[in-house]
Amino acid sequence: MLFFRQTNILSAATVIGLAVLGSRVLGLLRDRLLTSLPVDQLDIYFAAFRLPDLIFQILVMGALTTAFIPVITSYLSKGEEGEAWKVSSTIINLAIGFFVILAILIFVFAYPLSQFVAPGFPPEKLAIMTDLTRIMLVGQLFFVLSNFLSAIIQSSKRFLIPALAPMAYNLGIILGILFLSPTIGIYGPAWGVILGTFLHFLIQLPVAKHMSFKYGFVLDIKNKGVSEIGKLMGPRTLGLAVAQISFTVDTILASLISTSSITVFNFASHLQQLPIGLFGATIAQAALPTLSEEQGQDNLENFKSTVLTSFHQILFLTLPAAAILIVLRIPIVRLVFGSITFPWEATVLTGKTMAFLGVGIFAQSIIQLLVRGFYALRDSATPVKIGIGAFVINIIGSLILIKVYNLPVWGLAISSSIADLINAGVLLYFLDRKVSHFPTRKLVVPAVKMIFAALVAGISLYIPMKLLDQLVFDTTRVVPLIALTGTATFAGMTVYLFLTWVLDIEELKSFIGLIKRIGQTRQIFKAPVEVLSTGETHG
């Protein structure tokens, strides 16, 4: 089962989604354990992540999502494995070389760079942040190698192990918290990052070996495939650099607001990322190889149908998830992070920040798909230009809300969601033009139906939550809090599913069909091409 190929988008997204769910659950457990450490130390830990993550995102993710997977998929679909491995080895060697150079520079200048990232930190915090940054840099080297393995495995439409790898990563950090933090404090999870990235790498080696992937010490920069990847990843790398600058600016502003603002913003972002990673990223990730194949076959109609169906699948899942996070923000924060170790003031602030971020959940999820649509069309410049515009809007909005209006950390969330909504809208507009227009009715009508159903479901969540909170459940205790959250969620989701049934939304039928096959695991993983890859759409 670990080596099966997933040949349609829905089955691939199911495999990825189940693994991502496990990873996110472990991630929330990791965050819950982190709350046992002092909040001011957590600020240092999250701030220290900025620089190592920055160079990883720019060096690796730009190559993987933009060009590496489409190009390697093209070689593998033609049976040219030898050339695929030669190109892969060259790109991996180049990435390692650049990473080592940048890592050495960051290691040497870690203290002044920490001052820049967290100007609100006193010298004693900056000293600890410098140490943590240097420790976590080591782990990023394993991440570089591991994510290239993930891309190679995904290019052959095997998604399970790459999706399970983040679970191993979170497990490493959890082990660091449990066994190292009692003696070395905040340094425990930092060393856990190194263990986690190593496990992330190790778990994927058997699948790569099963695929007969052959790594070599080659540096064929004149290779056609290498040149194509280089040309395609350039704009995406610039776009990711801009995004990382945006995240860094958020960290800078959060460090100037209050002691716990960086922790609050990161915890709220982790909760917001749960539905984005579970639904948006999984479907978009599963769609990329199929979109790349359809583009390679000049099958524009199938390409448009795949984008449309994946687009509506994402909306169908993320809209109710956003409603749950927005309405049930306080109970969710209390359940995830605890009411004893996590102060009530931080709980309220995290909940409000998460709610404002929640408005942009469906937009961020759609962006994942639309950007990959451009990548499959070998156009990495357009989404970068649009992303830079969204970045400027986010930065200006953040500065105005935080520095002019003196809003708390949730002001950053408002600005972020506005930028995401604009980004998604403009991306959709230009992709529509690039493919000579999607059928308007098939694009708009299902989306409007789902938005309406989600709004009604939100109201159906709010009413029982308020009534039960005041009249039935003592939410100062964990069990009644779980009962309140579960009851309100059940009520809201029942209304949502009923309305999607009444409104005849096609996505409900697709997922009912998938659920019926859940017991037939092998058939799901190896299902033949069907609804999402045949180009069937709905009205």
Protein backbone atom coordinates (compact mmCIF):
# COMPACT_ATOMS: atom_id res chain seq x y z
CA MET A 1 0.00 0.00 0.00
CA LEU A 2 2.91 2.37 0.73
CA PHE A 3 4.07 2.14 -2.89
CA PHE A 4 0.69 2.38 -4.67
CA ARG A 5 0.13 5.08 -7.28
CA GLN A 6 -2.94 7.29 -6.89
CA THR A 7 -4.24 7.84 -10.40
CA ASN A 8 -7.04 10.35 -9.87
CA ILE A 9 -7.12 13.62 -8.00
CA LEU A 10 -9.83 12.74 -5.49
CA SER A 11 -8.22 9.49 -4.40
CA ALA A 12 -4.81 11.19 -4.25
CA ALA A 13 -6.27 14.08 -2.24
CA THR A 14 -7.89 11.54 0.11
CA VAL A 15 -4.56 9.85 0.74
CA ILE A 16 -2.82 13.18 1.28
CA GLY A 17 -5.68 14.54 3.36
CA LEU A 18 -5.75 11.62 5.80
CA ALA A 19 -2.00 11.87 6.27
CA VAL A 20 -2.15 15.65 6.62
CA LEU A 21 -4.91 15.27 9.22
CA GLY A 22 -2.63 13.02 11.26
CA SER A 23 0.22 15.48 10.85
CA ARG A 24 -1.94 18.46 11.87
CA VAL A 25 -3.23 16.61 14.93
CA LEU A 26 0.37 15.95 15.95
CA GLY A 27 1.12 19.59 15.20
CA LEU A 28 -1.63 20.74 17.55
CA LEU A 29 -0.37 18.30 20.19
CA ARG A 30 3.09 19.83 19.68
CA ASP A 31 1.64 23.32 20.22
CA ARG A 32 -0.26 22.13 23.30
CA LEU A 33 2.98 20.79 24.76
CA LEU A 34 4.76 24.05 23.89
CA THR A 35 2.30 25.96 26.08
CA SER A 36 3.92 24.28 29.08
CA LEU A 37 6.89 26.57 28.43
CA PRO A 38 6.81 30.27 29.37
CA VAL A 39 5.06 32.44 26.76
CA ASP A 40 7.99 34.85 26.49
CA GLN A 41 10.27 31.91 25.58
CA LEU A 42 7.81 30.74 22.94
CA ASP A 43 8.10 34.16 21.32
CA ILE A 44 11.84 33.54 20.99
CA TYR A 45 11.31 30.05 19.58
CA PHE A 46 8.88 31.19 16.87
CA ALA A 47 10.98 34.23 15.97
CA ALA A 48 14.06 32.00 15.63
CA PHE A 49 12.24 29.94 12.99
CA ARG A 50 12.08 32.91 10.61
CA LEU A 51 15.58 32.86 9.16
CA PRO A 52 16.02 29.08 8.67
CA ASP A 53 12.53 28.82 7.18
CA LEU A 54 13.19 31.80 4.92
CA ILE A 55 16.15 30.23 3.12
CA PHE A 56 14.39 26.85 2.89
CA GLN A 57 11.26 28.36 1.35
CA ILE A 58 13.18 30.47 -1.15
CA LEU A 59 15.69 27.82 -2.22
CA VAL A 60 13.54 24.69 -2.21
CA MET A 61 9.85 25.47 -2.46
CA GLY A 62 10.36 27.79 -5.42
CA ALA A 63 11.95 24.98 -7.40
CA LEU A 64 9.60 22.22 -6.28
CA THR A 65 6.16 23.70 -6.77
CA THR A 66 6.92 25.77 -9.84
CA ALA A 67 9.09 23.68 -12.09
CA PHE A 68 10.60 20.55 -10.57
CA ILE A 69 7.42 18.44 -10.35
CA PRO A 70 6.05 19.44 -13.81
CA VAL A 71 9.40 18.83 -15.53
CA ILE A 72 10.15 15.52 -13.76
CA THR A 73 6.54 14.39 -14.35
CA SER A 74 7.04 15.07 -18.04
CA TYR A 75 10.15 12.87 -18.15
CA LEU A 76 8.56 10.04 -16.16
CA SER A 77 5.38 10.06 -18.27
CA LYS A 78 7.59 9.51 -21.34
CA GLY A 79 9.49 6.68 -19.65
CA GLU A 80 12.74 8.68 -19.54
CA GLU A 81 13.71 7.75 -15.98
CA GLY A 82 17.45 8.08 -16.53
CA GLU A 83 17.12 11.68 -17.67
CA ALA A 84 14.70 12.42 -14.81
CA TRP A 85 17.22 11.18 -12.23
CA LYS A 86 20.06 13.11 -13.88
CA VAL A 87 18.06 16.35 -13.76
CA SER A 88 16.94 15.63 -10.19
CA SER A 89 20.49 15.03 -8.99
CA THR A 90 21.74 18.24 -10.57
CA ILE A 91 18.98 20.34 -9.00
CA ILE A 92 19.51 18.70 -5.59
CA ASN A 93 23.27 19.37 -5.74
CA LEU A 94 22.70 23.02 -6.72
CA ALA A 95 20.18 23.47 -3.89
CA ILE A 96 22.56 21.96 -1.33
CA GLY A 97 25.39 24.19 -2.51
CA PHE A 98 23.36 27.39 -2.26
CA PHE A 99 21.88 26.32 1.07
CA VAL A 100 25.28 25.72 2.64
CA ILE A 101 26.52 29.16 1.53
CA LEU A 102 23.46 30.96 2.92
CA ALA A 103 23.43 28.86 6.10
CA ILE A 104 27.05 29.79 6.83
CA LEU A 105 26.26 33.49 6.38
CA ILE A 106 23.22 33.28 8.66
CA PHE A 107 25.18 31.27 11.23
CA VAL A 108 27.93 33.92 11.36
CA PHE A 109 25.61 36.93 11.41
CA ALA A 110 22.81 35.34 13.45
CA TYR A 111 22.81 37.97 16.22
CA PRO A 112 22.42 41.12 14.07
CA LEU A 113 19.89 39.31 11.89
CA SER A 114 17.94 38.39 15.03
CA GLN A 115 17.97 42.05 16.03
CA PHE A 116 16.42 42.89 12.67
CA VAL A 117 13.74 40.17 12.84
CA ALA A 118 12.73 40.89 16.47
CA PRO A 119 13.59 44.53 17.23
CA GLY A 120 11.33 44.46 20.29
CA PHE A 121 13.41 41.79 22.03
CA PRO A 122 15.87 42.75 24.82
CA PRO A 123 19.53 41.54 24.54
CA GLU A 124 19.01 38.45 26.70
CA LYS A 125 16.19 37.25 24.41
CA LEU A 126 18.23 38.01 21.31
CA ALA A 127 21.09 35.87 22.65
CA ILE A 128 18.77 32.86 23.05
CA MET A 129 17.16 33.53 19.66
CA THR A 130 20.62 33.50 18.07
CA ASP A 131 21.39 30.08 19.59
CA LEU A 132 18.04 28.62 18.48
CA THR A 133 18.46 29.96 14.95
CA ARG A 134 21.87 28.30 14.61
CA ILE A 135 20.56 24.98 15.94
CA MET A 136 17.57 24.90 13.60
CA LEU A 137 19.72 25.75 10.58
CA VAL A 138 21.18 22.25 10.78
CA GLY A 139 17.74 20.71 10.51
CA GLN A 140 16.95 22.64 7.35
CA LEU A 141 19.65 20.73 5.45
CA PHE A 142 17.70 17.49 6.00
CA PHE A 143 14.55 19.35 4.95
CA VAL A 144 16.17 20.38 1.66
CA LEU A 145 17.03 16.77 0.82
CA SER A 146 13.73 15.38 2.09
CA ASN A 147 11.49 17.75 0.15
CA PHE A 148 13.23 16.93 -3.10
CA LEU A 149 12.55 13.25 -2.36
CA SER A 150 8.90 14.19 -1.75
CA ALA A 151 8.72 15.93 -5.12
CA ILE A 152 10.30 12.99 -6.95
CA ILE A 153 7.89 10.55 -5.31
CA GLN A 154 4.86 12.78 -6.03
CA SER A 155 5.91 13.13 -9.66
CA SER A 156 5.17 9.40 -10.03
CA LYS A 157 1.74 9.97 -8.41
CA ARG A 158 2.67 8.30 -5.12
CA PHE A 159 1.41 10.61 -2.38
CA LEU A 160 1.08 8.59 0.82
CA ILE A 161 4.64 8.61 2.19
CA PRO A 162 5.37 12.26 1.31
CA ALA A 163 2.14 13.13 3.11
CA LEU A 164 3.14 11.03 6.15
CA ALA A 165 6.59 12.63 6.39
CA PRO A 166 5.34 15.77 8.24
CA MET A 167 4.01 13.47 10.95
CA ALA A 168 7.55 12.23 11.52
CA TYR A 169 8.73 15.85 11.64
CA ASN A 170 6.18 16.82 14.30
CA LEU A 171 6.98 13.64 16.23
CA GLY A 172 10.63 14.71 16.44
CA ILE A 173 9.70 18.09 17.92
CA ILE A 174 7.30 16.44 20.38
CA LEU A 175 10.07 14.11 21.55
CA GLY A 176 12.34 17.12 22.00
CA ILE A 177 9.73 18.86 24.16
CA LEU A 178 8.98 15.79 26.27
CA PHE A 179 12.51 14.53 26.90
CA LEU A 180 14.78 17.56 26.50
CA SER A 181 12.74 20.59 27.60
CA PRO A 182 12.57 19.50 31.29
CA THR A 183 16.35 19.97 31.47
CA ILE A 184 17.25 22.50 28.74
CA GLY A 185 13.99 24.44 28.39
CA ILE A 186 13.24 26.12 25.07
CA TYR A 187 16.31 24.49 23.52
CA GLY A 188 14.46 21.13 23.69
CA PRO A 189 12.06 21.75 20.78
CA ALA A 190 14.90 23.33 18.77
CA TRP A 191 16.92 20.10 18.96
CA GLY A 192 13.65 18.29 18.28
CA VAL A 193 13.49 20.17 14.96
CA ILE A 194 16.75 18.51 13.90
CA LEU A 195 15.41 15.08 14.90
CA GLY A 196 12.12 15.78 13.11
CA THR A 197 13.72 16.87 9.85
CA PHE A 198 15.96 13.79 9.89
CA LEU A 199 12.91 11.52 10.38
CA HIS A 200 11.14 13.45 7.59
CA PHE A 201 14.04 12.49 5.31
CA LEU A 202 14.46 8.92 6.54
CA ILE A 203 10.84 7.83 6.09
CA GLN A 204 10.94 8.60 2.34
CA LEU A 205 14.10 6.73 1.44
CA PRO A 206 12.40 3.28 0.99
CA VAL A 207 9.89 4.66 -1.55
CA ALA A 208 12.61 6.49 -3.48
CA LYS A 209 14.59 3.21 -3.57
CA HIS A 210 11.48 1.32 -4.70
CA MET A 211 11.16 3.77 -7.60
CA SER A 212 14.82 3.01 -8.52
CA PHE A 213 15.74 6.66 -8.03
CA LYS A 214 19.47 7.01 -8.62
CA TYR A 215 21.21 9.99 -7.07
CA GLY A 216 24.52 11.02 -8.59
CA PHE A 217 27.20 13.64 -7.95
CA VAL A 218 26.43 15.40 -11.23
CA LEU A 219 26.21 19.09 -12.03
CA ASP A 220 24.96 19.24 -15.59
CA ILE A 221 23.76 22.84 -15.59
CA LYS A 222 23.54 22.89 -19.40
CA ASN A 223 20.98 20.07 -19.39
CA LYS A 224 17.72 21.09 -21.09
CA GLY A 225 15.58 20.00 -18.14
CA VAL A 226 17.81 21.81 -15.64
CA SER A 227 17.67 24.99 -17.73
CA GLU A 228 13.88 24.75 -17.95
CA ILE A 229 13.56 24.35 -14.19
CA GLY A 230 15.90 27.30 -13.67
CA LYS A 231 13.88 29.55 -15.96
CA LEU A 232 10.55 28.55 -14.42
CA MET A 233 11.62 28.75 -10.79
CA GLY A 234 13.16 32.23 -11.05
CA PRO A 235 9.89 34.18 -10.82
CA ARG A 236 8.50 31.78 -8.19
CA THR A 237 11.62 32.19 -6.07
CA LEU A 238 11.12 35.94 -6.23
CA GLY A 239 7.48 35.49 -5.24
CA LEU A 240 8.41 33.30 -2.28
CA ALA A 241 11.04 35.82 -1.22
CA VAL A 242 8.33 38.47 -1.19
CA ALA A 243 6.03 36.20 0.85
CA GLN A 244 8.80 35.49 3.34
CA ILE A 245 9.46 39.21 3.67
CA SER A 246 5.77 39.62 4.44
CA PHE A 247 5.95 36.96 7.18
CA THR A 248 9.10 38.58 8.53
CA VAL A 249 7.42 42.00 8.66
CA ASP A 250 4.54 40.41 10.61
CA THR A 251 7.09 39.00 13.07
CA ILE A 252 8.82 42.40 13.37
CA LEU A 253 5.53 44.20 14.06
CA ALA A 254 4.33 41.49 16.46
CA SER A 255 7.56 41.77 18.47
CA LEU A 256 6.84 45.49 18.90
CA ILE A 257 3.22 45.03 20.02
CA SER A 258 3.50 42.97 23.21
CA THR A 259 5.38 40.10 24.85
CA SER A 260 3.12 37.30 23.65
CA SER A 261 2.08 38.66 20.24
CA ILE A 262 4.44 36.46 18.19
CA THR A 263 3.19 33.35 19.99
CA VAL A 264 -0.47 34.38 19.62
CA PHE A 265 -0.10 35.08 15.90
CA ASN A 266 1.73 31.80 15.29
CA PHE A 267 -0.78 29.71 17.26
CA ALA A 268 -3.70 31.37 15.44
CA SER A 269 -1.97 30.76 12.11
CA HIS A 270 -1.43 27.08 12.96
CA LEU A 271 -5.16 26.65 13.60
CA GLN A 272 -6.03 28.52 10.42
CA GLN A 273 -3.61 26.36 8.42
CA LEU A 274 -5.41 23.16 9.48
CA PRO A 275 -8.23 23.38 6.88
CA ILE A 276 -5.91 25.00 4.32
CA GLY A 277 -3.42 22.16 4.60
CA LEU A 278 -6.08 19.49 4.91
CA PHE A 279 -8.28 20.57 2.01
CA GLY A 280 -6.74 23.34 -0.10
CA ALA A 281 -3.14 22.18 -0.29
CA THR A 282 -4.01 18.48 -0.62
CA ILE A 283 -6.36 18.88 -3.56
CA ALA A 284 -4.04 21.40 -5.25
CA GLN A 285 -1.02 19.16 -4.67
CA ALA A 286 -2.86 16.13 -6.04
CA ALA A 287 -4.04 18.12 -9.07
CA LEU A 288 -0.63 19.38 -10.19
CA PRO A 289 0.64 16.19 -11.92
CA THR A 290 -2.71 15.76 -13.71
CA LEU A 291 -2.79 19.41 -14.79
CA SER A 292 0.79 19.09 -16.01
CA GLU A 293 -0.09 16.00 -18.07
CA GLU A 294 -3.16 17.68 -19.59
CA GLN A 295 -1.12 20.73 -20.51
CA GLY A 296 1.53 18.50 -22.07
CA GLN A 297 -1.17 16.81 -24.17
CA ASP A 298 -2.61 20.21 -25.26
CA ASN A 299 -5.95 19.17 -23.78
CA LEU A 300 -7.22 22.58 -22.69
CA GLU A 301 -10.83 21.52 -22.13
CA ASN A 302 -9.82 18.76 -19.72
CA PHE A 303 -7.42 21.20 -18.06
CA LYS A 304 -10.24 23.69 -17.47
CA SER A 305 -12.56 20.98 -16.19
CA THR A 306 -9.92 19.71 -13.74
CA VAL A 307 -9.32 23.22 -12.42
CA LEU A 308 -13.05 23.89 -12.05
CA THR A 309 -13.83 20.64 -10.27
CA SER A 310 -10.84 20.96 -7.93
CA PHE A 311 -11.80 24.61 -7.29
CA HIS A 312 -15.29 23.64 -6.16
CA GLN A 313 -14.04 20.69 -4.12
CA ILE A 314 -11.82 23.10 -2.19
CA LEU A 315 -14.69 25.53 -1.62
CA PHE A 316 -17.02 22.74 -0.52
CA LEU A 317 -14.63 21.74 2.26
CA THR A 318 -13.02 25.00 3.34
CA LEU A 319 -16.11 27.19 3.64
CA PRO A 320 -17.74 25.20 6.48
CA ALA A 321 -14.32 24.74 8.12
CA ALA A 322 -13.88 28.52 8.13
CA ALA A 323 -17.36 28.93 9.68
CA ILE A 324 -16.41 26.52 12.49
CA LEU A 325 -13.14 28.29 13.29
CA ILE A 326 -14.72 31.75 13.24
CA VAL A 327 -17.80 30.97 15.35
CA LEU A 328 -16.25 28.46 17.75
CA ARG A 329 -12.93 30.29 18.09
CA ILE A 330 -12.79 30.51 21.91
CA PRO A 331 -13.82 26.88 22.63
CA ILE A 332 -11.38 25.64 19.98
CA VAL A 333 -8.46 27.66 21.36
CA ARG A 334 -9.22 26.49 24.89
CA LEU A 335 -9.46 22.85 23.82
CA VAL A 336 -6.25 22.92 21.78
CA PHE A 337 -4.01 25.00 24.01
CA GLY A 338 -5.57 24.41 27.41
CA SER A 339 -7.02 26.74 30.01
CA ILE A 340 -4.43 26.18 32.75
CA THR A 341 -1.09 26.71 31.01
CA PHE A 342 -2.45 29.16 28.41
CA PRO A 343 -3.73 32.41 30.01
CA TRP A 344 -7.32 33.59 29.38
CA GLU A 345 -6.11 36.89 27.89
CA ALA A 346 -3.96 34.97 25.40
CA THR A 347 -6.90 32.67 24.65
CA VAL A 348 -9.19 35.58 23.75
CA LEU A 349 -6.50 37.27 21.68
CA THR A 350 -5.64 34.05 19.84
CA GLY A 351 -9.33 33.37 19.17
CA LYS A 352 -9.93 36.83 17.74
CA THR A 353 -6.79 36.62 15.60
CA MET A 354 -7.83 33.20 14.33
CA ALA A 355 -11.32 34.49 13.46
CA PHE A 356 -9.95 37.31 11.30
CA LEU A 357 -7.50 34.90 9.66
CA GLY A 358 -10.42 32.52 9.15
CA VAL A 359 -12.08 34.94 6.74
CA GLY A 360 -9.24 34.28 4.32
CA ILE A 361 -9.17 30.47 4.66
CA PHE A 362 -11.04 29.74 1.44
CA ALA A 363 -9.02 32.38 -0.44
CA GLN A 364 -5.68 30.96 0.71
CA SER A 365 -6.87 27.47 -0.22
CA ILE A 366 -7.96 28.53 -3.69
CA ILE A 367 -4.65 30.32 -4.22
CA GLN A 368 -2.92 26.95 -3.75
CA LEU A 369 -4.81 25.57 -6.75
CA LEU A 370 -4.77 28.64 -9.01
CA VAL A 371 -1.03 29.11 -8.65
CA ARG A 372 -0.45 25.47 -9.58
CA GLY A 373 -2.70 25.99 -12.59
CA PHE A 374 -0.31 28.66 -13.83
CA TYR A 375 2.67 26.41 -13.07
CA ALA A 376 1.19 23.58 -15.11
CA LEU A 377 0.86 26.05 -17.98
CA ARG A 378 4.56 26.84 -17.49
CA ASP A 379 3.76 30.41 -16.44
CA SER A 380 5.41 31.24 -13.12
CA ALA A 381 5.67 34.99 -13.74
CA THR A 382 1.97 35.94 -13.55
CA PRO A 383 1.26 34.56 -10.04
CA VAL A 384 4.47 36.18 -8.79
CA LYS A 385 3.45 39.62 -10.07
CA ILE A 386 0.03 39.21 -8.48
CA GLY A 387 1.61 37.94 -5.27
CA ILE A 388 3.88 40.98 -5.08
CA GLY A 389 0.83 43.23 -5.37
CA ALA A 390 -0.90 41.32 -2.56
CA PHE A 391 2.28 41.59 -0.48
CA VAL A 392 2.33 45.37 -0.86
CA ILE A 393 -1.33 45.55 0.18
CA ASN A 394 -0.64 43.35 3.22
CA ILE A 395 2.38 45.36 4.35
CA ILE A 396 0.69 48.72 3.93
CA GLY A 397 -2.43 47.45 5.67
CA SER A 398 -0.43 45.97 8.56
CA LEU A 399 1.55 49.18 9.09
CA ILE A 400 -1.60 51.31 9.06
CA LEU A 401 -3.56 49.05 11.42
CA ILE A 402 -0.70 48.46 13.88
CA LYS A 403 1.28 51.71 13.82
CA VAL A 404 -1.48 54.24 13.00
CA TYR A 405 -4.56 52.73 14.64
CA ASN A 406 -2.58 50.86 17.34
CA LEU A 407 -4.62 47.66 16.98
CA PRO A 408 -3.54 44.48 18.80
CA VAL A 409 -1.99 41.55 16.94
CA TRP A 410 -5.32 40.69 15.28
CA GLY A 411 -4.79 43.76 13.11
CA LEU A 412 -2.16 41.72 11.27
CA ALA A 413 -4.82 39.05 10.65
CA ILE A 414 -7.23 41.58 9.12
CA SER A 415 -4.60 42.84 6.71
CA SER A 416 -3.55 39.30 5.80
CA SER A 417 -7.09 38.18 4.98
CA ILE A 418 -7.79 41.24 2.83
CA ALA A 419 -4.60 40.62 0.86
CA ASP A 420 -5.50 36.92 0.42
CA LEU A 421 -8.98 37.75 -0.90
CA ILE A 422 -7.57 40.19 -3.43
CA ASN A 423 -4.81 37.77 -4.43
CA ALA A 424 -7.29 34.93 -5.06
CA GLY A 425 -9.65 37.13 -7.05
CA VAL A 426 -6.95 38.54 -9.33
CA LEU A 427 -5.37 35.09 -9.87
CA LEU A 428 -8.74 33.67 -10.91
CA TYR A 429 -9.32 36.58 -13.29
CA PHE A 430 -6.00 36.14 -15.11
CA LEU A 431 -6.15 32.33 -15.19
CA ASP A 432 -9.63 32.65 -16.70
CA ARG A 433 -8.20 34.86 -19.43
CA LYS A 434 -5.23 32.57 -20.00
CA VAL A 435 -7.41 29.51 -20.68
CA SER A 436 -9.85 31.45 -22.89
CA HIS A 437 -12.42 31.63 -20.08
CA PHE A 438 -14.06 29.05 -17.87
CA PRO A 439 -17.79 28.49 -18.45
CA THR A 440 -19.23 31.30 -16.31
CA ARG A 441 -22.26 29.42 -15.05
CA LYS A 442 -20.24 26.35 -14.10
CA LEU A 443 -17.73 28.54 -12.28
CA VAL A 444 -20.04 30.90 -10.40
CA VAL A 445 -23.30 29.07 -9.59
CA PRO A 446 -21.86 26.23 -7.45
CA ALA A 447 -19.63 28.73 -5.61
CA VAL A 448 -22.58 31.00 -4.76
CA LYS A 449 -24.61 28.02 -3.54
CA MET A 450 -21.79 26.86 -1.25
CA ILE A 451 -21.17 30.36 0.16
CA PHE A 452 -24.87 30.67 0.98
CA ALA A 453 -24.91 27.24 2.65
CA ALA A 454 -21.80 28.11 4.69
CA LEU A 455 -23.28 31.42 5.89
CA VAL A 456 -26.47 29.68 7.07
CA ALA A 457 -24.35 26.98 8.70
CA GLY A 458 -22.40 29.68 10.55
CA ILE A 459 -25.63 31.02 12.03
CA SER A 460 -26.62 27.46 12.93
CA LEU A 461 -23.32 27.11 14.77
CA TYR A 462 -23.65 30.39 16.64
CA ILE A 463 -27.17 29.96 18.04
CA PRO A 464 -26.71 26.59 19.82
CA MET A 465 -23.25 27.63 21.03
CA LYS A 466 -24.63 30.73 22.75
CA LEU A 467 -27.67 28.98 24.17
CA LEU A 468 -25.83 25.90 25.43
CA ASP A 469 -22.96 27.96 26.82
CA GLN A 470 -25.29 30.05 28.96
CA LEU A 471 -27.98 27.52 29.88
CA VAL A 472 -26.61 23.97 29.77
CA PHE A 473 -22.85 23.43 29.84
CA ASP A 474 -20.34 24.57 32.43
CA THR A 475 -17.58 25.43 29.99
CA THR A 476 -15.00 25.99 32.71
CA ARG A 477 -14.53 22.20 32.57
CA VAL A 478 -13.06 20.21 29.69
CA VAL A 479 -15.80 17.61 29.16
CA PRO A 480 -18.68 20.14 28.96
CA LEU A 481 -16.49 22.28 26.66
CA ILE A 482 -16.00 19.30 24.33
CA ALA A 483 -19.76 18.60 24.47
CA LEU A 484 -20.56 22.23 23.60
CA THR A 485 -18.12 22.31 20.69
CA GLY A 486 -19.25 18.93 19.36
CA THR A 487 -22.97 19.75 19.62
CA ALA A 488 -22.64 23.14 17.91
CA THR A 489 -20.44 21.68 15.17
CA PHE A 490 -22.89 18.84 14.56
CA ALA A 491 -25.79 21.30 14.29
CA GLY A 492 -23.94 23.58 11.87
CA MET A 493 -22.61 20.80 9.66
CA THR A 494 -26.00 19.09 9.53
CA VAL A 495 -27.50 22.31 8.20
CA TYR A 496 -24.65 22.72 5.72
CA LEU A 497 -24.94 19.20 4.33
CA PHE A 498 -28.74 19.49 4.15
CA LEU A 499 -28.53 22.75 2.20
CA THR A 500 -25.89 21.39 -0.18
CA TRP A 501 -28.21 18.44 -0.80
CA VAL A 502 -31.26 20.68 -1.38
CA LEU A 503 -29.23 22.97 -3.66
CA ASP A 504 -28.00 19.93 -5.60
CA ILE A 505 -24.30 20.69 -5.18
CA GLU A 506 -22.32 18.10 -7.12
CA GLU A 507 -19.43 17.97 -4.65
CA LEU A 508 -21.66 16.39 -2.01
CA LYS A 509 -22.36 13.47 -4.36
CA SER A 510 -18.65 13.05 -5.07
CA PHE A 511 -17.79 12.81 -1.39
CA ILE A 512 -20.70 10.50 -0.61
CA GLY A 513 -19.39 8.21 -3.33
CA LEU A 514 -15.91 8.41 -1.86
CA ILE A 515 -17.15 7.62 1.66
CA LYS A 516 -18.94 4.55 0.33
CA ARG A 517 -15.59 3.27 -0.92
CA ILE A 518 -13.65 4.09 2.25
CA GLY A 519 -13.78 0.45 3.32
CA GLN A 520 -12.19 -0.62 0.06
CA THR A 521 -8.80 0.94 0.78
CA ARG A 522 -6.89 -0.69 -2.02
CA GLN A 523 -9.47 0.35 -4.60
CA ILE A 524 -9.39 3.97 -3.44
CA PHE A 525 -5.62 4.18 -3.60
CA LYS A 526 -5.52 2.55 -7.05
CA ALA A 527 -8.82 3.87 -8.38
CA PRO A 528 -9.06 4.41 -12.15
CA VAL A 529 -9.31 7.89 -13.55
CA GLU A 530 -12.80 9.23 -12.87
CA VAL A 531 -14.72 12.39 -12.06
CA LEU A 532 -11.86 14.75 -11.32
CA SER A 533 -9.61 13.65 -14.15
CA THR A 534 -12.13 12.92 -16.88
CA GLY A 535 -13.24 16.51 -17.11
CA GLU A 536 -16.81 16.01 -15.85
CA THR A 537 -18.23 19.21 -14.44
CA HIS A 538 -21.47 20.30 -12.93
CA GLY A 539 -24.06 22.95 -13.31
